[in-house]
N, C-alpha and C. Protein backbone atom coordinates (compact mmCIF):
# COMPACT_ATOMS: atom_id res chain seq x y z
N UNK A 1 38.21 36.53 -38.16
CA UNK A 1 37.90 35.12 -38.08
C UNK A 1 37.68 34.70 -36.65
N UNK A 2 38.51 35.15 -35.73
CA UNK A 2 38.34 34.74 -34.34
C UNK A 2 37.08 35.32 -33.73
N UNK A 3 36.57 36.43 -34.24
CA UNK A 3 35.36 37.03 -33.68
C UNK A 3 34.13 36.20 -34.02
N UNK A 4 34.14 35.47 -35.13
CA UNK A 4 32.96 34.69 -35.52
C UNK A 4 32.92 33.32 -34.86
N UNK A 5 34.05 32.79 -34.39
CA UNK A 5 34.05 31.46 -33.76
C UNK A 5 33.22 31.42 -32.48
N UNK A 6 33.35 32.34 -31.55
CA UNK A 6 32.51 32.28 -30.36
C UNK A 6 31.02 32.39 -30.70
N UNK A 7 30.69 33.19 -31.69
CA UNK A 7 29.28 33.33 -32.07
C UNK A 7 28.75 31.99 -32.58
N UNK A 8 29.52 31.31 -33.41
CA UNK A 8 29.09 30.00 -33.89
C UNK A 8 28.97 29.01 -32.74
N UNK A 9 29.91 29.05 -31.82
CA UNK A 9 29.90 28.14 -30.68
C UNK A 9 28.64 28.38 -29.84
N UNK A 10 28.28 29.64 -29.60
CA UNK A 10 27.08 29.96 -28.82
C UNK A 10 25.82 29.51 -29.55
N UNK A 11 25.79 29.68 -30.88
CA UNK A 11 24.63 29.23 -31.67
C UNK A 11 24.47 27.71 -31.56
N UNK A 12 25.58 26.98 -31.66
CA UNK A 12 25.53 25.52 -31.54
C UNK A 12 25.04 25.10 -30.16
N UNK A 13 25.55 25.78 -29.15
CA UNK A 13 25.14 25.46 -27.79
C UNK A 13 23.64 25.71 -27.59
N UNK A 14 23.15 26.84 -28.07
CA UNK A 14 21.73 27.18 -27.94
C UNK A 14 20.87 26.17 -28.70
N UNK A 15 21.31 25.80 -29.90
CA UNK A 15 20.57 24.82 -30.71
C UNK A 15 20.55 23.47 -30.00
N UNK A 16 21.67 23.08 -29.43
CA UNK A 16 21.74 21.82 -28.68
C UNK A 16 20.84 21.85 -27.45
N UNK A 17 20.81 22.97 -26.75
CA UNK A 17 19.96 23.12 -25.56
C UNK A 17 18.49 23.00 -25.94
N UNK A 18 18.09 23.62 -27.05
CA UNK A 18 16.69 23.51 -27.51
C UNK A 18 16.36 22.07 -27.87
N UNK A 19 17.30 21.37 -28.46
CA UNK A 19 17.08 19.96 -28.80
C UNK A 19 16.90 19.10 -27.56
N UNK A 20 17.72 19.36 -26.54
CA UNK A 20 17.60 18.62 -25.28
C UNK A 20 16.25 18.92 -24.63
N UNK A 21 15.82 20.16 -24.64
CA UNK A 21 14.53 20.52 -24.04
C UNK A 21 13.37 19.85 -24.79
N UNK A 22 13.45 19.81 -26.13
CA UNK A 22 12.39 19.14 -26.91
C UNK A 22 12.36 17.64 -26.60
N UNK A 23 13.54 17.03 -26.50
CA UNK A 23 13.63 15.61 -26.18
C UNK A 23 13.08 15.33 -24.78
N UNK A 24 13.39 16.18 -23.82
CA UNK A 24 12.88 16.00 -22.45
C UNK A 24 11.37 16.10 -22.43
N UNK A 25 10.81 17.03 -23.22
CA UNK A 25 9.35 17.16 -23.28
C UNK A 25 8.72 15.91 -23.89
N UNK A 26 9.33 15.34 -24.92
CA UNK A 26 8.81 14.11 -25.54
C UNK A 26 8.87 12.95 -24.55
N UNK A 27 9.99 12.80 -23.86
CA UNK A 27 10.14 11.72 -22.88
C UNK A 27 9.10 11.87 -21.78
N UNK A 28 8.90 13.08 -21.28
CA UNK A 28 7.91 13.32 -20.23
C UNK A 28 6.50 12.97 -20.73
N UNK A 29 6.17 13.38 -21.95
CA UNK A 29 4.84 13.10 -22.51
C UNK A 29 4.63 11.59 -22.66
N UNK A 30 5.63 10.87 -23.16
CA UNK A 30 5.52 9.41 -23.33
C UNK A 30 5.39 8.72 -21.98
N UNK A 31 6.15 9.16 -20.99
CA UNK A 31 6.07 8.57 -19.64
C UNK A 31 4.68 8.77 -19.05
N UNK A 32 4.12 9.96 -19.22
CA UNK A 32 2.77 10.22 -18.71
C UNK A 32 1.72 9.38 -19.43
N UNK A 33 1.86 9.24 -20.75
CA UNK A 33 0.92 8.41 -21.51
C UNK A 33 1.01 6.96 -21.07
N UNK A 34 2.22 6.45 -20.85
CA UNK A 34 2.39 5.08 -20.40
C UNK A 34 1.77 4.88 -19.01
N UNK A 35 2.02 5.81 -18.11
CA UNK A 35 1.46 5.71 -16.76
C UNK A 35 -0.06 5.76 -16.81
N UNK A 36 -0.62 6.66 -17.65
CA UNK A 36 -2.08 6.72 -17.79
C UNK A 36 -2.63 5.41 -18.35
N UNK A 37 -1.95 4.84 -19.33
CA UNK A 37 -2.38 3.58 -19.92
C UNK A 37 -2.36 2.46 -18.89
N UNK A 38 -1.28 2.37 -18.12
CA UNK A 38 -1.17 1.32 -17.11
C UNK A 38 -2.21 1.50 -16.02
N UNK A 39 -2.43 2.74 -15.58
CA UNK A 39 -3.42 3.00 -14.54
C UNK A 39 -4.82 2.69 -15.05
N UNK A 40 -5.14 3.12 -16.27
CA UNK A 40 -6.46 2.84 -16.84
C UNK A 40 -6.67 1.34 -17.00
N UNK A 41 -5.65 0.64 -17.38
CA UNK A 41 -5.76 -0.79 -17.66
C UNK A 41 -5.92 -1.62 -16.39
N UNK A 42 -5.25 -1.21 -15.32
CA UNK A 42 -5.23 -2.02 -14.10
C UNK A 42 -6.23 -1.59 -13.05
N UNK A 43 -6.48 -0.35 -12.95
CA UNK A 43 -7.23 0.12 -11.80
C UNK A 43 -8.19 1.22 -12.23
N UNK A 44 -9.30 0.84 -12.81
CA UNK A 44 -10.21 1.81 -13.40
C UNK A 44 -10.87 2.69 -12.35
N UNK A 45 -11.23 2.13 -11.20
CA UNK A 45 -11.84 2.92 -10.15
C UNK A 45 -10.77 3.30 -9.14
N UNK A 46 -10.84 4.51 -8.65
CA UNK A 46 -9.87 4.92 -7.63
C UNK A 46 -10.28 4.25 -6.32
N UNK A 47 -9.52 3.25 -5.89
CA UNK A 47 -9.92 2.54 -4.67
C UNK A 47 -9.68 3.40 -3.44
N UNK A 48 -10.38 3.09 -2.37
CA UNK A 48 -10.14 3.84 -1.15
C UNK A 48 -8.74 3.55 -0.62
N UNK A 49 -8.27 4.39 0.23
CA UNK A 49 -6.91 4.24 0.74
C UNK A 49 -6.78 2.99 1.61
N UNK A 50 -7.83 2.63 2.35
CA UNK A 50 -7.70 1.51 3.28
C UNK A 50 -8.85 0.52 3.15
N UNK A 51 -8.51 -0.75 2.96
CA UNK A 51 -9.50 -1.82 2.97
C UNK A 51 -10.12 -1.95 4.36
N UNK A 52 -9.31 -1.78 5.36
CA UNK A 52 -9.77 -1.95 6.74
C UNK A 52 -10.76 -0.87 7.16
N UNK A 53 -10.72 0.28 6.51
CA UNK A 53 -11.63 1.37 6.84
C UNK A 53 -12.64 1.62 5.71
N UNK A 54 -12.85 0.63 4.88
CA UNK A 54 -13.76 0.76 3.74
C UNK A 54 -15.19 1.01 4.23
N UNK A 55 -15.90 1.95 3.60
CA UNK A 55 -17.31 2.15 3.99
C UNK A 55 -18.11 0.87 3.76
N UNK A 56 -19.19 0.72 4.49
CA UNK A 56 -20.06 -0.46 4.38
C UNK A 56 -20.87 -0.36 3.10
N UNK A 57 -20.25 -0.71 1.99
CA UNK A 57 -20.87 -0.61 0.67
C UNK A 57 -20.40 -1.83 -0.13
N UNK A 58 -21.29 -2.81 -0.31
CA UNK A 58 -20.92 -4.06 -0.99
C UNK A 58 -20.43 -3.83 -2.41
N UNK A 59 -21.08 -2.94 -3.13
CA UNK A 59 -20.67 -2.68 -4.52
C UNK A 59 -19.26 -2.09 -4.56
N UNK A 60 -18.98 -1.17 -3.65
CA UNK A 60 -17.64 -0.59 -3.59
C UNK A 60 -16.61 -1.65 -3.23
N UNK A 61 -16.92 -2.47 -2.23
CA UNK A 61 -15.98 -3.52 -1.81
C UNK A 61 -15.70 -4.48 -2.97
N UNK A 62 -16.72 -4.85 -3.71
CA UNK A 62 -16.52 -5.75 -4.84
C UNK A 62 -15.68 -5.09 -5.93
N UNK A 63 -15.93 -3.83 -6.18
CA UNK A 63 -15.15 -3.10 -7.20
C UNK A 63 -13.68 -3.02 -6.79
N UNK A 64 -13.43 -2.72 -5.51
CA UNK A 64 -12.05 -2.63 -5.01
C UNK A 64 -11.36 -3.97 -5.17
N UNK A 65 -12.03 -5.06 -4.76
CA UNK A 65 -11.41 -6.39 -4.87
C UNK A 65 -11.21 -6.80 -6.33
N UNK A 66 -12.16 -6.47 -7.18
CA UNK A 66 -12.03 -6.80 -8.61
C UNK A 66 -10.84 -6.08 -9.21
N UNK A 67 -10.72 -4.78 -8.92
CA UNK A 67 -9.58 -4.02 -9.43
C UNK A 67 -8.27 -4.54 -8.86
N UNK A 68 -8.30 -4.90 -7.58
CA UNK A 68 -7.10 -5.43 -6.95
C UNK A 68 -6.69 -6.75 -7.61
N UNK A 69 -7.65 -7.62 -7.88
CA UNK A 69 -7.35 -8.89 -8.55
C UNK A 69 -6.73 -8.65 -9.92
N UNK A 70 -7.27 -7.67 -10.63
CA UNK A 70 -6.72 -7.35 -11.96
C UNK A 70 -5.28 -6.86 -11.84
N UNK A 71 -5.01 -5.99 -10.87
CA UNK A 71 -3.65 -5.50 -10.67
C UNK A 71 -2.72 -6.65 -10.25
N UNK A 72 -3.20 -7.52 -9.38
CA UNK A 72 -2.37 -8.64 -8.94
C UNK A 72 -1.99 -9.53 -10.12
N UNK A 73 -2.94 -9.79 -11.01
CA UNK A 73 -2.68 -10.62 -12.18
C UNK A 73 -1.70 -9.93 -13.12
N UNK A 74 -1.88 -8.63 -13.30
CA UNK A 74 -1.04 -7.88 -14.23
C UNK A 74 0.36 -7.61 -13.68
N UNK A 75 0.48 -7.36 -12.38
CA UNK A 75 1.75 -6.91 -11.83
C UNK A 75 2.27 -7.86 -10.75
N UNK A 76 1.59 -7.93 -9.62
CA UNK A 76 2.12 -8.58 -8.42
C UNK A 76 2.48 -10.04 -8.63
N UNK A 77 1.59 -10.82 -9.21
CA UNK A 77 1.84 -12.26 -9.34
C UNK A 77 2.82 -12.61 -10.45
N UNK A 78 3.32 -11.60 -11.16
CA UNK A 78 4.38 -11.82 -12.15
C UNK A 78 5.73 -12.05 -11.48
N UNK A 79 5.80 -11.73 -10.19
CA UNK A 79 7.02 -11.96 -9.41
C UNK A 79 6.90 -13.33 -8.76
N UNK A 80 7.87 -14.19 -9.01
CA UNK A 80 7.80 -15.58 -8.54
C UNK A 80 7.68 -15.68 -7.03
N UNK A 81 8.39 -14.83 -6.29
CA UNK A 81 8.30 -14.91 -4.83
C UNK A 81 6.91 -14.53 -4.34
N UNK A 82 6.25 -13.60 -5.01
CA UNK A 82 4.90 -13.20 -4.63
C UNK A 82 3.91 -14.34 -4.89
N UNK A 83 4.00 -14.93 -6.08
CA UNK A 83 3.09 -16.02 -6.43
C UNK A 83 3.30 -17.22 -5.49
N UNK A 84 4.52 -17.42 -5.04
CA UNK A 84 4.82 -18.57 -4.19
C UNK A 84 4.24 -18.43 -2.77
N UNK A 85 4.12 -17.21 -2.26
CA UNK A 85 3.67 -17.06 -0.87
C UNK A 85 2.19 -16.71 -0.73
N UNK A 86 1.55 -16.28 -1.79
CA UNK A 86 0.15 -15.86 -1.67
C UNK A 86 -0.75 -17.08 -1.55
N UNK A 87 -1.42 -17.25 -0.39
CA UNK A 87 -2.29 -18.41 -0.25
C UNK A 87 -3.58 -18.20 -1.04
N UNK A 88 -4.23 -19.30 -1.40
CA UNK A 88 -5.48 -19.19 -2.17
C UNK A 88 -6.57 -18.49 -1.38
N UNK A 89 -6.44 -18.44 -0.08
CA UNK A 89 -7.45 -17.83 0.78
C UNK A 89 -7.12 -16.37 1.12
N UNK A 90 -6.26 -15.74 0.35
CA UNK A 90 -5.80 -14.39 0.66
C UNK A 90 -6.94 -13.42 0.90
N UNK A 91 -8.02 -13.57 0.15
CA UNK A 91 -9.12 -12.61 0.24
C UNK A 91 -9.87 -12.74 1.58
N UNK A 92 -9.69 -13.83 2.30
CA UNK A 92 -10.28 -14.01 3.62
C UNK A 92 -9.46 -13.32 4.70
N UNK A 93 -8.33 -12.77 4.35
CA UNK A 93 -7.42 -12.13 5.30
C UNK A 93 -7.43 -10.61 5.09
N UNK A 94 -8.17 -9.87 5.90
CA UNK A 94 -8.23 -8.41 5.70
C UNK A 94 -6.86 -7.75 5.73
N UNK A 95 -5.94 -8.28 6.54
CA UNK A 95 -4.61 -7.68 6.60
C UNK A 95 -3.85 -7.89 5.30
N UNK A 96 -4.04 -9.04 4.66
CA UNK A 96 -3.38 -9.30 3.38
C UNK A 96 -3.98 -8.41 2.30
N UNK A 97 -5.31 -8.27 2.30
CA UNK A 97 -5.97 -7.39 1.32
C UNK A 97 -5.45 -5.97 1.51
N UNK A 98 -5.34 -5.52 2.76
CA UNK A 98 -4.83 -4.18 3.04
C UNK A 98 -3.41 -4.01 2.50
N UNK A 99 -2.56 -4.99 2.76
CA UNK A 99 -1.18 -4.94 2.26
C UNK A 99 -1.16 -4.83 0.73
N UNK A 100 -1.95 -5.66 0.07
CA UNK A 100 -1.95 -5.68 -1.40
C UNK A 100 -2.56 -4.41 -1.97
N UNK A 101 -3.60 -3.90 -1.34
CA UNK A 101 -4.21 -2.66 -1.81
C UNK A 101 -3.22 -1.51 -1.67
N UNK A 102 -2.57 -1.45 -0.52
CA UNK A 102 -1.56 -0.41 -0.30
C UNK A 102 -0.45 -0.52 -1.33
N UNK A 103 0.00 -1.75 -1.59
CA UNK A 103 1.08 -1.94 -2.55
C UNK A 103 0.65 -1.53 -3.96
N UNK A 104 -0.59 -1.83 -4.32
CA UNK A 104 -1.07 -1.44 -5.65
C UNK A 104 -1.16 0.08 -5.78
N UNK A 105 -1.63 0.75 -4.72
CA UNK A 105 -1.70 2.21 -4.75
C UNK A 105 -0.31 2.83 -4.85
N UNK A 106 0.64 2.24 -4.15
CA UNK A 106 2.02 2.72 -4.20
C UNK A 106 2.60 2.50 -5.59
N UNK A 107 2.30 1.34 -6.18
CA UNK A 107 2.77 1.04 -7.54
C UNK A 107 2.22 2.08 -8.52
N UNK A 108 0.92 2.40 -8.39
CA UNK A 108 0.33 3.40 -9.29
C UNK A 108 1.03 4.74 -9.14
N UNK A 109 1.26 5.17 -7.91
CA UNK A 109 1.93 6.45 -7.68
C UNK A 109 3.36 6.42 -8.22
N UNK A 110 4.00 5.28 -8.13
CA UNK A 110 5.40 5.15 -8.55
C UNK A 110 5.58 5.22 -10.06
N UNK A 111 4.52 5.06 -10.82
CA UNK A 111 4.65 5.08 -12.27
C UNK A 111 5.08 6.44 -12.80
N UNK A 112 4.93 7.47 -11.98
CA UNK A 112 5.34 8.82 -12.39
C UNK A 112 6.52 9.33 -11.57
N UNK A 113 7.13 8.47 -10.79
CA UNK A 113 8.18 8.90 -9.87
C UNK A 113 9.26 7.83 -9.82
N UNK A 114 10.33 8.03 -10.58
CA UNK A 114 11.37 7.01 -10.71
C UNK A 114 11.99 6.61 -9.37
N UNK A 115 12.33 7.55 -8.47
CA UNK A 115 12.86 7.11 -7.18
C UNK A 115 11.86 6.27 -6.38
N UNK A 116 10.58 6.64 -6.44
CA UNK A 116 9.56 5.86 -5.74
C UNK A 116 9.41 4.47 -6.38
N UNK A 117 9.53 4.40 -7.68
CA UNK A 117 9.46 3.11 -8.36
C UNK A 117 10.63 2.21 -7.92
N UNK A 118 11.79 2.80 -7.77
CA UNK A 118 12.94 2.03 -7.28
C UNK A 118 12.68 1.53 -5.86
N UNK A 119 12.09 2.39 -5.01
CA UNK A 119 11.73 1.96 -3.65
C UNK A 119 10.69 0.85 -3.70
N UNK A 120 9.73 0.95 -4.61
CA UNK A 120 8.68 -0.07 -4.73
C UNK A 120 9.32 -1.43 -5.02
N UNK A 121 10.25 -1.45 -5.96
CA UNK A 121 10.90 -2.72 -6.32
C UNK A 121 11.84 -3.22 -5.22
N UNK A 122 12.57 -2.31 -4.62
CA UNK A 122 13.61 -2.70 -3.67
C UNK A 122 13.08 -2.96 -2.27
N UNK A 123 12.09 -2.18 -1.82
CA UNK A 123 11.64 -2.30 -0.43
C UNK A 123 10.17 -2.67 -0.29
N UNK A 124 9.29 -1.94 -0.96
CA UNK A 124 7.86 -2.11 -0.70
C UNK A 124 7.36 -3.48 -1.12
N UNK A 125 7.60 -3.88 -2.36
CA UNK A 125 7.10 -5.18 -2.82
C UNK A 125 7.70 -6.33 -2.02
N UNK A 126 9.02 -6.38 -1.83
CA UNK A 126 9.57 -7.47 -1.01
C UNK A 126 9.07 -7.45 0.43
N UNK A 127 8.82 -6.27 0.97
CA UNK A 127 8.30 -6.17 2.34
C UNK A 127 6.91 -6.76 2.45
N UNK A 128 6.05 -6.47 1.48
CA UNK A 128 4.70 -7.04 1.48
C UNK A 128 4.77 -8.56 1.32
N UNK A 129 5.60 -9.03 0.43
CA UNK A 129 5.77 -10.48 0.25
C UNK A 129 6.20 -11.13 1.56
N UNK A 130 7.15 -10.53 2.24
CA UNK A 130 7.64 -11.07 3.51
C UNK A 130 6.54 -11.10 4.57
N UNK A 131 5.74 -10.02 4.67
CA UNK A 131 4.68 -9.98 5.67
C UNK A 131 3.56 -10.95 5.35
N UNK A 132 3.21 -11.11 4.08
CA UNK A 132 2.19 -12.09 3.71
C UNK A 132 2.67 -13.48 4.07
N UNK A 133 3.91 -13.77 3.78
CA UNK A 133 4.45 -15.09 4.11
C UNK A 133 4.40 -15.33 5.61
N UNK A 134 4.72 -14.32 6.39
CA UNK A 134 4.75 -14.47 7.85
C UNK A 134 3.34 -14.61 8.44
N UNK A 135 2.35 -13.92 7.89
CA UNK A 135 1.03 -13.91 8.51
C UNK A 135 0.05 -14.91 7.91
N UNK A 136 0.21 -15.23 6.64
CA UNK A 136 -0.79 -16.09 5.99
C UNK A 136 -0.18 -17.12 5.05
N UNK A 137 1.13 -17.20 5.00
CA UNK A 137 1.81 -18.05 4.03
C UNK A 137 1.46 -19.52 4.11
N UNK A 138 1.10 -20.03 5.29
CA UNK A 138 0.78 -21.45 5.41
C UNK A 138 -0.73 -21.69 5.52
N UNK A 139 -1.52 -20.65 5.35
CA UNK A 139 -2.97 -20.78 5.46
C UNK A 139 -3.54 -21.41 4.19
N UNK A 140 -4.75 -21.93 4.32
CA UNK A 140 -5.45 -22.50 3.15
C UNK A 140 -6.95 -22.33 3.37
N UNK A 141 -7.72 -22.62 2.36
CA UNK A 141 -9.18 -22.48 2.47
C UNK A 141 -9.76 -23.31 3.61
N UNK A 142 -9.17 -24.47 3.87
CA UNK A 142 -9.68 -25.32 4.95
C UNK A 142 -9.64 -24.62 6.30
N UNK A 143 -8.74 -23.69 6.47
CA UNK A 143 -8.62 -22.97 7.74
C UNK A 143 -9.80 -22.03 7.97
N UNK A 144 -10.61 -21.81 6.96
CA UNK A 144 -11.69 -20.83 7.06
C UNK A 144 -13.06 -21.49 7.15
N UNK A 145 -13.11 -22.78 7.42
CA UNK A 145 -14.41 -23.46 7.49
C UNK A 145 -15.15 -23.12 8.78
N UNK A 146 -14.43 -22.78 9.83
CA UNK A 146 -15.05 -22.33 11.08
C UNK A 146 -14.58 -20.90 11.34
N UNK A 147 -15.26 -19.94 10.74
CA UNK A 147 -14.80 -18.55 10.86
C UNK A 147 -14.79 -18.07 12.30
N UNK A 148 -13.82 -17.26 12.60
CA UNK A 148 -13.71 -16.63 13.92
C UNK A 148 -14.28 -15.22 13.84
N UNK A 149 -14.77 -14.70 14.94
CA UNK A 149 -15.25 -13.31 14.92
C UNK A 149 -14.10 -12.35 14.67
N UNK A 150 -14.44 -11.20 14.17
CA UNK A 150 -13.42 -10.17 13.94
C UNK A 150 -12.78 -9.79 15.27
N UNK A 151 -11.48 -9.57 15.28
CA UNK A 151 -10.82 -9.20 16.54
C UNK A 151 -11.29 -7.82 17.02
N UNK A 152 -11.28 -7.66 18.30
CA UNK A 152 -11.64 -6.39 18.92
C UNK A 152 -10.44 -5.88 19.72
N UNK A 153 -10.37 -4.60 19.86
CA UNK A 153 -9.28 -4.01 20.64
C UNK A 153 -9.41 -4.49 22.08
N UNK A 154 -8.35 -5.06 22.64
CA UNK A 154 -8.43 -5.53 24.02
C UNK A 154 -8.58 -4.38 25.01
N UNK A 155 -9.33 -4.64 26.04
CA UNK A 155 -9.53 -3.71 27.15
C UNK A 155 -10.03 -2.34 26.70
N UNK A 156 -10.95 -2.32 25.75
CA UNK A 156 -11.50 -1.06 25.24
C UNK A 156 -12.21 -0.29 26.33
N UNK A 157 -12.69 -0.97 27.38
CA UNK A 157 -13.38 -0.25 28.46
C UNK A 157 -12.42 0.60 29.28
N UNK A 158 -11.13 0.41 29.13
CA UNK A 158 -10.15 1.21 29.85
C UNK A 158 -9.83 2.52 29.12
N UNK A 159 -10.34 2.68 27.93
CA UNK A 159 -10.01 3.86 27.12
C UNK A 159 -10.38 5.16 27.83
N UNK A 160 -11.54 5.22 28.44
CA UNK A 160 -11.97 6.46 29.10
C UNK A 160 -11.03 6.88 30.22
N UNK A 161 -10.64 5.92 31.05
CA UNK A 161 -9.74 6.21 32.17
C UNK A 161 -8.37 6.67 31.65
N UNK A 162 -7.84 5.96 30.67
CA UNK A 162 -6.53 6.30 30.11
C UNK A 162 -6.59 7.64 29.37
N UNK A 163 -7.65 7.87 28.61
CA UNK A 163 -7.78 9.14 27.88
C UNK A 163 -7.84 10.32 28.85
N UNK A 164 -8.57 10.15 29.94
CA UNK A 164 -8.65 11.22 30.93
C UNK A 164 -7.28 11.50 31.54
N UNK A 165 -6.59 10.45 31.94
CA UNK A 165 -5.25 10.61 32.50
C UNK A 165 -4.33 11.31 31.50
N UNK A 166 -4.34 10.88 30.26
CA UNK A 166 -3.45 11.44 29.25
C UNK A 166 -3.77 12.91 28.99
N UNK A 167 -5.06 13.23 28.91
CA UNK A 167 -5.46 14.60 28.60
C UNK A 167 -5.24 15.55 29.78
N UNK A 168 -5.40 15.05 31.00
CA UNK A 168 -5.38 15.92 32.17
C UNK A 168 -4.00 15.98 32.84
N UNK A 169 -3.34 14.81 33.01
CA UNK A 169 -2.10 14.81 33.80
C UNK A 169 -1.16 13.70 33.35
N UNK A 170 -0.72 13.75 32.11
CA UNK A 170 0.13 12.67 31.59
C UNK A 170 1.51 12.60 32.24
N UNK A 171 1.88 13.61 32.99
CA UNK A 171 3.18 13.54 33.68
C UNK A 171 3.10 12.70 34.95
N UNK A 172 1.91 12.45 35.44
CA UNK A 172 1.71 11.59 36.61
C UNK A 172 1.74 10.13 36.16
N UNK A 173 1.94 9.19 37.08
CA UNK A 173 1.90 7.77 36.69
C UNK A 173 0.53 7.40 36.12
N UNK A 174 0.52 6.47 35.22
CA UNK A 174 -0.74 6.01 34.62
C UNK A 174 -1.62 5.35 35.68
N UNK A 175 -2.94 5.39 35.50
CA UNK A 175 -3.83 4.72 36.46
C UNK A 175 -3.51 3.22 36.51
N UNK A 176 -3.71 2.64 37.69
CA UNK A 176 -3.48 1.20 37.83
C UNK A 176 -4.63 0.43 37.20
N UNK A 177 -4.34 -0.73 36.58
CA UNK A 177 -5.42 -1.57 36.06
C UNK A 177 -6.29 -2.08 37.22
N UNK A 178 -7.56 -2.23 36.94
CA UNK A 178 -8.49 -2.74 37.95
C UNK A 178 -8.57 -4.26 37.85
N UNK A 179 -9.26 -4.87 38.80
CA UNK A 179 -9.47 -6.32 38.76
C UNK A 179 -10.23 -6.71 37.49
N UNK A 180 -11.17 -5.87 37.08
CA UNK A 180 -11.92 -6.14 35.85
C UNK A 180 -11.00 -6.12 34.63
N UNK A 181 -10.03 -5.22 34.64
CA UNK A 181 -9.06 -5.17 33.52
C UNK A 181 -8.23 -6.44 33.47
N UNK A 182 -7.78 -6.90 34.64
CA UNK A 182 -7.00 -8.16 34.68
C UNK A 182 -7.85 -9.34 34.21
N UNK A 183 -9.11 -9.39 34.62
CA UNK A 183 -9.99 -10.48 34.20
C UNK A 183 -10.20 -10.44 32.68
N UNK A 184 -10.39 -9.25 32.14
CA UNK A 184 -10.59 -9.11 30.70
C UNK A 184 -9.31 -9.48 29.94
N UNK A 185 -8.14 -9.15 30.52
CA UNK A 185 -6.87 -9.46 29.87
C UNK A 185 -6.67 -10.97 29.75
N UNK A 186 -7.20 -11.71 30.71
CA UNK A 186 -7.08 -13.17 30.67
C UNK A 186 -7.82 -13.78 29.49
N UNK A 187 -8.81 -13.06 28.95
CA UNK A 187 -9.58 -13.62 27.84
C UNK A 187 -9.06 -13.15 26.49
N UNK A 188 -8.10 -12.22 26.46
CA UNK A 188 -7.55 -11.73 25.19
C UNK A 188 -6.90 -12.88 24.45
N UNK A 189 -7.27 -13.05 23.22
CA UNK A 189 -6.72 -14.12 22.39
C UNK A 189 -7.46 -15.43 22.51
N UNK A 190 -8.42 -15.51 23.44
CA UNK A 190 -9.22 -16.73 23.56
C UNK A 190 -10.31 -16.73 22.52
N UNK A 191 -10.61 -17.89 21.90
CA UNK A 191 -11.69 -17.93 20.93
C UNK A 191 -13.03 -17.67 21.62
N UNK A 192 -13.89 -16.92 20.94
CA UNK A 192 -15.21 -16.61 21.50
C UNK A 192 -16.21 -17.70 21.24
């Protein structure tokens, strides 16, 4: 009698292990189907990684913004804090579009990664909401009636001198700014 008890115990354990493995496979399959459904529903075209570096293609830009709007309606604006800070002129702010595009791409990736999804809810989404509030939260359409030119990197003419110094002798002190650099610095931030 005692010889048959361990055999039964091992059979039960093996049967239980097979059941757990079958259940894990079902859960994995359902999670993948749900993620595929959500991705297909919200973001049909794979948007580029960066709005700021988007190729000069009007059709692509429109598709990216359309998909982003759909994702915002389905996901982002369901959060009260997000809806409260997003100004109506958000699409006029390339930095806000970049933030939202990045957040949507992260959300899509997180649908198959539970720890990443937790990070999305705990850090990424609130961080984007906070940055939108800080940079564009008080803006409105009226602020865009006199558009400003796109910002340019300040003192871009100094790049060659600095690049040469960095590539050739970065252990030496950096080159001193010239009078032209100081004059150009005085205009940084001034409206054109």
